[in-house]
Amino acid sequence: MTALPEDPEEFVTVKEFIEPIEAQMAKSVLESAGVECFLLSENTNSLLSAAFYARLQVHKKDEADALAILDAPGEGAVDEQVDVDNDE
């Protein structure tokens, strides 16, 4: 029997976030790279963050690309600490 092809419209979770702002930043990175994505439970997370994570989802066909983009240095995280000391 032949296996059915994967449904390209199926969505998968690529990352989970406790902080909604981090989820929004990751979503923006993917969107700027042309990857269609959306967040689940983002508002629920604001109400009770210990119980709910904001989940970033993409099409199954874009999963590998999304993970590579988010894991790339400088894309999904802050690489350097910024010195905000104003002692001039």
C-alpha atoms as a PDB file:
ATOM      1  CA  MET A   1       0.000   0.000   0.000  1.00  0.00           C
ATOM      2  CA  THR A   2       1.306   3.462  -0.910  1.00  0.00           C
ATOM      3  CA  ALA A   3       1.809   5.998   1.864  1.00  0.00           C
ATOM      4  CA  LEU A   4      -0.249   9.152   1.619  1.00  0.00           C
ATOM      5  CA  PRO A   5       1.712  12.333   0.918  1.00  0.00           C
ATOM      6  CA  GLU A   6       2.095  14.799   3.772  1.00  0.00           C
ATOM      7  CA  ASP A   7      -0.554  17.486   3.930  1.00  0.00           C
ATOM      8  CA  PRO A   8       1.317  20.747   3.203  1.00  0.00           C
ATOM      9  CA  GLU A   9      -1.380  22.678   5.059  1.00  0.00           C
ATOM     10  CA  GLU A  10      -0.788  20.779   8.304  1.00  0.00           C
ATOM     11  CA  PHE A  11       0.720  23.001  10.987  1.00  0.00           C
ATOM     12  CA  VAL A  12       3.397  22.065  13.501  1.00  0.00           C
ATOM     13  CA  THR A  13       4.760  23.817  16.568  1.00  0.00           C
ATOM     14  CA  VAL A  14       8.395  24.854  16.097  1.00  0.00           C
ATOM     15  CA  LYS A  15       8.915  26.713  19.392  1.00  0.00           C
ATOM     16  CA  GLU A  16       7.118  27.384  22.674  1.00  0.00           C
ATOM     17  CA  PHE A  17       7.545  30.583  24.672  1.00  0.00           C
ATOM     18  CA  ILE A  18       6.720  31.597  28.229  1.00  0.00           C
ATOM     19  CA  GLU A  19       6.984  35.307  27.376  1.00  0.00           C
ATOM     20  CA  PRO A  20       4.582  36.535  24.654  1.00  0.00           C
ATOM     21  CA  ILE A  21       7.043  39.242  23.554  1.00  0.00           C
ATOM     22  CA  GLU A  22       9.646  36.587  22.719  1.00  0.00           C
ATOM     23  CA  ALA A  23       7.026  34.728  20.705  1.00  0.00           C
ATOM     24  CA  GLN A  24       6.197  37.917  18.779  1.00  0.00           C
ATOM     25  CA  MET A  25       9.871  38.541  18.050  1.00  0.00           C
ATOM     26  CA  ALA A  26      10.357  35.007  16.705  1.00  0.00           C
ATOM     27  CA  LYS A  27       7.183  35.350  14.631  1.00  0.00           C
ATOM     28  CA  SER A  28       8.515  38.585  13.134  1.00  0.00           C
ATOM     29  CA  VAL A  29      11.829  36.910  12.241  1.00  0.00           C
ATOM     30  CA  LEU A  30      10.025  34.125  10.381  1.00  0.00           C
ATOM     31  CA  GLU A  31       7.638  36.496   8.621  1.00  0.00           C
ATOM     32  CA  SER A  32      10.527  38.690   7.467  1.00  0.00           C
ATOM     33  CA  ALA A  33      12.095  35.550   5.975  1.00  0.00           C
ATOM     34  CA  GLY A  34       8.872  34.809   4.095  1.00  0.00           C
ATOM     35  CA  VAL A  35       7.718  31.926   6.301  1.00  0.00           C
ATOM     36  CA  GLU A  36       3.988  31.969   7.020  1.00  0.00           C
ATOM     37  CA  CYS A  37       3.393  31.420  10.733  1.00  0.00           C
ATOM     38  CA  PHE A  38       1.042  32.190  13.599  1.00  0.00           C
ATOM     39  CA  LEU A  39       0.878  32.035  17.374  1.00  0.00           C
ATOM     40  CA  LEU A  40      -1.419  29.846  19.451  1.00  0.00           C
ATOM     41  CA  SER A  41      -2.343  30.635  23.058  1.00  0.00           C
ATOM     42  CA  GLU A  42      -0.573  33.992  22.982  1.00  0.00           C
ATOM     43  CA  ASN A  43      -3.349  35.805  24.853  1.00  0.00           C
ATOM     44  CA  THR A  44      -4.038  32.897  27.183  1.00  0.00           C
ATOM     45  CA  ASN A  45      -0.365  33.002  28.113  1.00  0.00           C
ATOM     46  CA  SER A  46      -0.776  36.616  29.257  1.00  0.00           C
ATOM     47  CA  LEU A  47      -3.471  35.576  31.713  1.00  0.00           C
ATOM     48  CA  LEU A  48      -1.708  32.628  33.317  1.00  0.00           C
ATOM     49  CA  SER A  49       1.817  32.233  31.969  1.00  0.00           C
ATOM     50  CA  ALA A  50       2.798  29.363  34.251  1.00  0.00           C
ATOM     51  CA  ALA A  51       0.133  27.126  32.744  1.00  0.00           C
ATOM     52  CA  PHE A  52       0.184  28.110  29.064  1.00  0.00           C
ATOM     53  CA  TYR A  53       2.937  28.622  26.552  1.00  0.00           C
ATOM     54  CA  ALA A  54       2.609  30.696  23.396  1.00  0.00           C
ATOM     55  CA  ARG A  55       3.233  28.253  20.546  1.00  0.00           C
ATOM     56  CA  LEU A  56       4.749  29.362  17.262  1.00  0.00           C
ATOM     57  CA  GLN A  57       3.402  27.273  14.390  1.00  0.00           C
ATOM     58  CA  VAL A  58       4.333  26.934  10.733  1.00  0.00           C
ATOM     59  CA  HIS A  59       3.233  24.763   7.818  1.00  0.00           C
ATOM     60  CA  LYS A  60       4.711  21.276   8.106  1.00  0.00           C
ATOM     61  CA  LYS A  61       6.537  21.813   4.811  1.00  0.00           C
ATOM     62  CA  ASP A  62       8.317  24.877   6.289  1.00  0.00           C
ATOM     63  CA  GLU A  63       9.335  23.253   9.597  1.00  0.00           C
ATOM     64  CA  ALA A  64      13.009  22.628   8.761  1.00  0.00           C
ATOM     65  CA  ASP A  65      13.480  26.110   7.286  1.00  0.00           C
ATOM     66  CA  ALA A  66      11.768  27.756  10.269  1.00  0.00           C
ATOM     67  CA  LEU A  67      13.945  25.899  12.768  1.00  0.00           C
ATOM     68  CA  ALA A  68      17.091  26.798  10.827  1.00  0.00           C
ATOM     69  CA  ILE A  69      16.099  30.478  10.746  1.00  0.00           C
ATOM     70  CA  LEU A  70      15.243  30.595  14.434  1.00  0.00           C
ATOM     71  CA  ASP A  71      18.428  28.762  15.433  1.00  0.00           C
ATOM     72  CA  ALA A  72      20.703  30.907  13.239  1.00  0.00           C
ATOM     73  CA  PRO A  73      23.072  33.146  15.205  1.00  0.00           C
ATOM     74  CA  GLY A  74      21.776  36.683  15.356  1.00  0.00           C
ATOM     75  CA  GLU A  75      18.285  35.853  14.148  1.00  0.00           C
ATOM     76  CA  GLY A  76      16.178  34.566  16.995  1.00  0.00           C
ATOM     77  CA  ALA A  77      18.146  35.782  19.986  1.00  0.00           C
ATOM     78  CA  VAL A  78      20.210  38.656  21.215  1.00  0.00           C
ATOM     79  CA  ASP A  79      23.873  37.867  20.538  1.00  0.00           C
ATOM     80  CA  GLU A  80      25.490  40.546  22.612  1.00  0.00           C
ATOM     81  CA  GLN A  81      24.788  42.317  25.849  1.00  0.00           C
ATOM     82  CA  VAL A  82      24.374  46.059  25.465  1.00  0.00           C
ATOM     83  CA  ASP A  83      26.115  48.330  27.954  1.00  0.00           C
ATOM     84  CA  VAL A  84      23.623  50.992  29.000  1.00  0.00           C
ATOM     85  CA  ASP A  85      25.960  52.710  31.454  1.00  0.00           C
ATOM     86  CA  ASN A  86      25.895  56.437  30.679  1.00  0.00           C
ATOM     87  CA  ASP A  87      29.075  57.400  32.550  1.00  0.00           C
ATOM     88  CA  GLU A  88      30.649  59.730  30.035  1.00  0.00           C
END
